[in-house]
Amino acid sequence: MGTRWMVRKRTFAHVLGVEDEGADPVVVLSFRSEGEELEVLRRAGHPFFVLGWGRDAMGMVLDDPDWDEVAELVTESFCVLAPKKLASLVDRPSTAEP
């Protein structure tokens, strides 16, 4: 089941443990992405993977994550689904002033 974070009744991040027969259990994060970043993530390989649903849905295995990267991915995921006015209020790492 895991834990979901939602905006407008749509999930922008979901963390859950996954157990697959014959493999060690892992914790994964699903999130939304768009544009060039989405294309880069689709080609990146481990720890990223393409989910089988949603044109903008990606997954990440959280085995040894860079937590700053996770924070950026979750922030961007929120902005993909949030109303534009609400998303414009978010301090995004890529647009934050130094």
Protein backbone atom coordinates (compact mmCIF):
# COMPACT_ATOMS: atom_id res chain seq x y z
CA MET A 1 0.00 0.00 0.00
CA GLY A 2 2.71 2.49 0.95
CA THR A 3 2.30 6.21 1.48
CA ARG A 4 0.86 8.59 -1.12
CA TRP A 5 1.01 12.36 -1.45
CA MET A 6 -1.74 13.91 -3.54
CA VAL A 7 -2.85 17.18 -5.08
CA ARG A 8 -6.33 17.54 -6.59
CA LYS A 9 -7.01 13.88 -5.78
CA ARG A 10 -4.08 12.78 -7.99
CA THR A 11 -0.95 11.11 -6.66
CA PHE A 12 2.25 13.07 -7.27
CA ALA A 13 4.46 10.80 -5.13
CA HIS A 14 4.08 7.29 -3.74
CA VAL A 15 6.58 5.36 -1.64
CA LEU A 16 6.20 1.65 -1.02
CA GLY A 17 8.12 -1.51 -0.33
CA VAL A 18 8.19 -4.09 -3.11
CA GLU A 19 8.98 -7.76 -2.64
CA ASP A 20 9.63 -9.84 -5.73
CA GLU A 21 10.14 -13.58 -5.56
CA GLY A 22 13.83 -14.37 -5.76
CA ALA A 23 14.99 -10.79 -5.15
CA ASP A 24 15.66 -8.68 -2.09
CA PRO A 25 12.84 -6.34 -1.05
CA VAL A 26 13.28 -2.73 -2.18
CA VAL A 27 11.64 0.60 -1.49
CA VAL A 28 10.50 2.52 -4.55
CA LEU A 29 9.24 6.02 -5.22
CA SER A 30 6.83 6.77 -8.04
CA PHE A 31 6.58 10.34 -9.27
CA ARG A 32 5.62 12.47 -12.28
CA SER A 33 7.97 14.23 -14.65
CA GLU A 34 7.71 16.05 -17.95
CA GLY A 35 9.61 17.42 -20.90
CA GLU A 36 13.33 16.93 -21.31
CA GLU A 37 13.78 15.71 -17.72
CA LEU A 38 11.29 12.89 -18.35
CA GLU A 39 13.19 11.78 -21.45
CA VAL A 40 16.52 11.84 -19.59
CA LEU A 41 15.08 9.80 -16.71
CA ARG A 42 13.59 7.24 -19.12
CA ARG A 43 17.07 6.59 -20.55
CA ALA A 44 19.01 6.82 -17.26
CA GLY A 45 18.71 3.23 -16.05
CA HIS A 46 19.07 2.19 -12.41
CA PRO A 47 17.82 3.55 -10.03
CA PHE A 48 15.17 4.93 -12.42
CA PHE A 49 12.59 2.89 -14.30
CA VAL A 50 9.53 3.54 -16.47
CA LEU A 51 6.23 2.62 -14.86
CA GLY A 52 3.64 0.73 -16.87
CA TRP A 53 0.98 3.41 -16.43
CA GLY A 54 0.71 7.13 -17.15
CA ARG A 55 2.67 8.88 -19.88
CA ASP A 56 4.54 10.98 -17.30
CA ALA A 57 4.99 8.39 -14.51
CA MET A 58 8.46 7.28 -13.42
CA GLY A 59 9.85 5.13 -10.64
CA MET A 60 13.03 5.25 -8.59
CA VAL A 61 14.54 2.53 -6.42
CA LEU A 62 15.53 4.12 -3.11
CA ASP A 63 18.49 1.86 -2.33
CA ASP A 64 21.08 4.63 -1.75
CA PRO A 65 19.38 7.83 -2.87
CA ASP A 66 20.69 11.34 -3.17
CA TRP A 67 18.05 12.95 -0.96
CA ASP A 68 18.50 16.36 -2.58
CA GLU A 69 17.66 14.74 -5.93
CA VAL A 70 14.64 13.00 -4.39
CA ALA A 71 13.42 16.33 -2.98
CA GLU A 72 13.79 17.95 -6.41
CA LEU A 73 11.95 15.10 -8.16
CA VAL A 74 9.06 15.19 -5.67
CA THR A 75 8.83 19.00 -5.89
CA GLU A 76 8.73 18.87 -9.68
CA SER A 77 6.20 16.04 -9.56
CA PHE A 78 3.92 18.18 -7.40
CA CYS A 79 4.23 21.03 -9.89
CA VAL A 80 3.33 18.75 -12.82
CA LEU A 81 -0.06 17.98 -11.25
CA ALA A 82 -0.80 21.10 -9.19
CA PRO A 83 -2.91 23.95 -10.52
CA LYS A 84 -0.66 26.47 -12.29
CA LYS A 85 -1.32 29.19 -9.72
CA LEU A 86 -0.34 26.89 -6.85
CA ALA A 87 2.70 25.53 -8.72
CA SER A 88 3.90 29.10 -9.35
CA LEU A 89 4.21 29.59 -5.58
CA VAL A 90 6.61 26.66 -5.16
CA ASP A 91 10.30 27.41 -4.68
CA ARG A 92 11.83 25.03 -7.21
CA PRO A 93 15.51 24.15 -6.94
CA SER A 94 16.07 24.84 -10.66
CA THR A 95 14.54 28.33 -10.43
CA ALA A 96 15.61 29.28 -6.90
CA GLU A 97 17.97 32.21 -6.61
CA PRO A 98 21.43 31.48 -5.13
